[in-house]
Amino acid sequence: MNEIGEEPVAKPSTTLGFDDRSALDAPPVDIVITVFERADYVAHAIQSVIAQSYEHWRLTVSEDGRSTAPVMRAVEPYLVDKRIRYATPGKHLGNARHKSSLVSQGNGKYVTVLDDDDCWLPEWLARRVRFLERYPECVLVWAGHFDIDADGGEVRRPPLPFAGGVYSSFEFTQAMMRANIVATPSVLFRRDAYVRAGDAFDPRFDHINDYELWLRLGLLGPVGFLPLYDSGYRLHPQQRSRQLNRAVDHLQLIDHLDGLLQNGMPKLRLPASVRRRQKADRLLSVALDAAEQGQMRIAARRIAAATRLAPRALLSRRGLGAVAATVGGGKVRQRIGAMRS
């Protein structure tokens, strides 16, 4: 690993992040903010972009579907900035296709996608552009994030997954196979790497297509990590209701990842027995989510499927919890839900 220490924290850029380059040479960054059926937080996201010390960016704010009055009212005051535009595809594309469409419309050297409910601190862009210019072998760079509540107040700071530096494809992929350690609002990636990785977010993963993209990008080259917290990830009640769909995406990712590793990094492929246990564990998670939402038939089917894949998984804490939540009463499900929160 190539250590970079704490320089991005100790010496943040106040303008472009390049003391030896003119403004005309500064690489442009394409920023995408996607919006769907809400306008509550988009103004805050846009304000965090405008506040960036690195000024060579272009922002597209786009509603997935048709234009709505609440979003237009939120965005319109910022359109006086010529770097900002508002667009809609005119029809609902879905999360992955919407982002792919917007990214393909740009031509900046670097790209980032900011969800409409997340935000950045002012040095976010400067730090990342400086890093990727310094380390041209890296396909992306990210940093730690802090969770914020509906009002924008900081809730917690998850532990940093790495020390600052450059990490090989092997190191990054190995860590990402255990869990997604990359928060979407913290990533800046190279457009040319994105094109080589397939030039799209995968629409088969509606809820974790960012995770899947980071895996594909990481197989192409080293990645960079900055040991600091400079992006806010918003927590709100809607995320709880999406757990079931997200768990189904994770289940599908197991075999998909094996296919990626077979072509790009076969040494990291897991034995079939381990993948079966992983799928059984995911099925039990889906069963728990379904039981909490009162969908007992789905829960029972997922438990049965998990038992066929790996019978011993039923004896795990997750397995016992799934069975209890499915056959128990409302109080049992409430107790299990509280333990999972």
Foldseek 3Di string as FASTA:
>chain_A
DFADAACCPVPFDQAQLDPPDDPVPRFEEEEEEEDEDDQLQQLVAVVQVVLANYDRYAYEYEYQADDDDSNCVSCVVVVVPVSYDYYYPNGHDADFVVVLVRLVPDDTQKYAYDYSRKHWHHRLVSSFSNVCVVPVQAFKEFEWAFEAESVRHTDGTDDTPDHWDKDWLVVVLLVPVVHQNGDRRGMMGGPVLCVVLPSTQDVVQRPCSVSVSVNSSSLRTIHGYRYDYTMYDYDDDVVLLCQLSNLVSVLVVLVVVLVVCVVRPVVPRDDPLVSLQVNLLSLLSNLLSCLLVVNLVSNVVSLVSSCVSPVCSCVDPSNVLSVCSNPDDPVSSVVSVVVVD
